[in-house]
């Protein structure tokens, strides 16, 4: 299926948001996620079923000054 991650289309076999995060190589505990504009906590990602065309935002923390 195709989903949009941070504005770019990607094909995925992931069934849930957690699977997608892991598939993309992110550490689930060091990112923030949103699905179709709604913030999804780390503990809820396994419950969020992905559908064709979903818009996902994955944000990583950055350090610097």
Protein backbone atom coordinates (compact mmCIF):
# COMPACT_ATOMS: atom_id res chain seq x y z
CA UNK A 1 0.00 0.00 0.00
CA UNK A 2 1.07 3.61 -0.45
CA UNK A 3 1.23 6.05 2.45
CA UNK A 4 2.63 9.56 2.71
CA UNK A 5 5.42 10.05 5.25
CA UNK A 6 6.50 13.63 5.92
CA UNK A 7 5.10 14.68 2.55
CA UNK A 8 6.65 11.89 0.43
CA UNK A 9 4.84 8.77 -0.85
CA UNK A 10 6.23 5.41 0.23
CA UNK A 11 5.16 1.83 -0.37
CA UNK A 12 4.86 -0.25 2.79
CA UNK A 13 3.82 -3.69 3.95
CA UNK A 14 3.30 -2.44 7.52
CA UNK A 15 -0.15 -3.01 8.99
CA UNK A 16 0.21 -0.62 11.95
CA UNK A 17 1.92 2.66 12.67
CA UNK A 18 4.38 0.88 14.98
CA UNK A 19 5.32 -1.57 12.22
CA UNK A 20 5.87 1.34 9.84
CA UNK A 21 8.11 3.15 12.32
CA UNK A 22 10.20 0.01 12.77
CA UNK A 23 10.22 -0.73 9.03
CA UNK A 24 11.64 2.77 8.38
CA UNK A 25 14.44 2.09 10.90
CA UNK A 26 13.40 4.52 13.64
CA UNK A 27 13.81 3.89 17.34
CA UNK A 28 10.15 3.99 18.48
CA UNK A 29 11.05 5.64 21.79
CA UNK A 30 12.97 8.56 20.27
CA UNK A 31 10.38 9.95 17.83
CA UNK A 32 6.97 11.60 17.78
CA UNK A 33 4.26 10.51 15.34
CA UNK A 34 1.03 11.78 13.88
CA UNK A 35 -1.48 9.95 11.71
CA UNK A 36 -3.72 12.05 9.49
CA UNK A 37 -3.03 15.12 11.61
CA UNK A 38 -3.65 13.45 14.98
CA UNK A 39 -0.80 12.95 17.47
CA UNK A 40 -0.25 9.27 18.30
CA UNK A 41 1.61 8.36 21.49
CA UNK A 42 4.26 5.66 21.46
CA UNK A 43 2.07 3.30 23.48
CA UNK A 44 -0.83 3.67 21.01
CA UNK A 45 1.09 3.10 17.75
CA UNK A 46 0.45 -0.65 17.71
CA UNK A 47 -3.32 0.06 17.69
CA UNK A 48 -3.29 2.46 14.71
CA UNK A 49 -4.13 0.45 11.58
CA UNK A 50 -2.72 1.93 8.37
CA UNK A 51 -4.84 2.49 5.28
CA UNK A 52 -4.01 3.39 1.69
CA UNK A 53 -3.12 7.09 1.41
CA UNK A 54 -2.70 7.77 5.14
CA UNK A 55 -0.58 10.83 5.96
CA UNK A 56 2.05 10.11 8.60
CA UNK A 57 4.43 12.53 10.26
CA UNK A 58 7.54 11.18 11.96
CA UNK A 59 9.54 13.76 13.90
CA UNK A 60 12.90 13.15 15.53
CA UNK A 61 14.39 15.27 18.29
CA UNK A 62 17.45 17.32 17.41
CA UNK A 63 20.08 18.89 19.59
CA UNK A 64 22.00 21.97 18.83
CA UNK A 65 22.24 25.59 19.47
